[in-house]
């Protein structure tokens, strides 16, 4: 897992809380998707940085 900024990760009740997004914990197969979750271009990342 990579971090770009100062968001605090909290894990409780088998959920990872990234302040703006909650992700249920599980295996990588549980989260497998052919669609990317976000764009990784620098401009897209800069737009969501705090």
Protein backbone atom coordinates (compact mmCIF):
# COMPACT_ATOMS: atom_id res chain seq x y z
CA UNK A 1 0.00 0.00 0.00
CA UNK A 2 1.35 3.41 -0.93
CA UNK A 3 0.55 6.70 0.73
CA UNK A 4 0.73 10.18 -0.80
CA UNK A 5 0.10 12.59 2.01
CA UNK A 6 -0.85 12.62 5.65
CA UNK A 7 -4.07 10.63 5.79
CA UNK A 8 -4.27 8.36 8.79
CA UNK A 9 -5.24 4.74 8.20
CA UNK A 10 -7.48 3.22 10.85
CA UNK A 11 -8.47 -0.44 10.87
CA UNK A 12 -11.40 -1.58 12.98
CA UNK A 13 -14.16 -4.14 12.54
CA UNK A 14 -12.30 -5.60 9.54
CA UNK A 15 -12.59 -2.31 7.59
CA UNK A 16 -9.69 -0.07 6.55
CA UNK A 17 -10.73 3.56 6.96
CA UNK A 18 -8.81 6.01 4.75
CA UNK A 19 -10.79 9.08 5.95
CA UNK A 20 -12.57 9.47 2.59
CA UNK A 21 -12.92 5.80 1.68
CA UNK A 22 -13.75 2.67 3.66
CA UNK A 23 -12.52 -0.67 2.31
CA UNK A 24 -13.61 -4.02 3.76
CA UNK A 25 -10.60 -6.23 4.51
CA UNK A 26 -10.38 -9.51 2.65
CA UNK A 27 -8.23 -11.35 0.17
CA UNK A 28 -6.98 -9.74 -3.02
CA UNK A 29 -9.42 -11.99 -4.91
CA UNK A 30 -12.30 -10.33 -3.05
CA UNK A 31 -11.25 -6.97 -4.50
CA UNK A 32 -10.20 -8.08 -7.99
CA UNK A 33 -11.60 -5.92 -10.78
CA UNK A 34 -10.75 -5.24 -14.43
CA UNK A 35 -11.55 -1.54 -13.99
CA UNK A 36 -8.98 0.69 -12.26
CA UNK A 37 -10.18 2.26 -9.02
CA UNK A 38 -8.57 5.63 -9.78
CA UNK A 39 -6.42 7.25 -12.41
CA UNK A 40 -2.74 7.30 -11.47
CA UNK A 41 -1.65 10.24 -13.62
CA UNK A 42 0.17 12.90 -11.61
CA UNK A 43 -2.52 15.53 -12.35
CA UNK A 44 -5.29 13.22 -11.12
CA UNK A 45 -3.36 12.43 -7.92
CA UNK A 46 -2.58 16.11 -7.35
CA UNK A 47 -6.28 16.92 -7.68
CA UNK A 48 -7.22 14.61 -4.78
CA UNK A 49 -4.28 15.52 -2.50
CA UNK A 50 -5.14 17.63 0.51
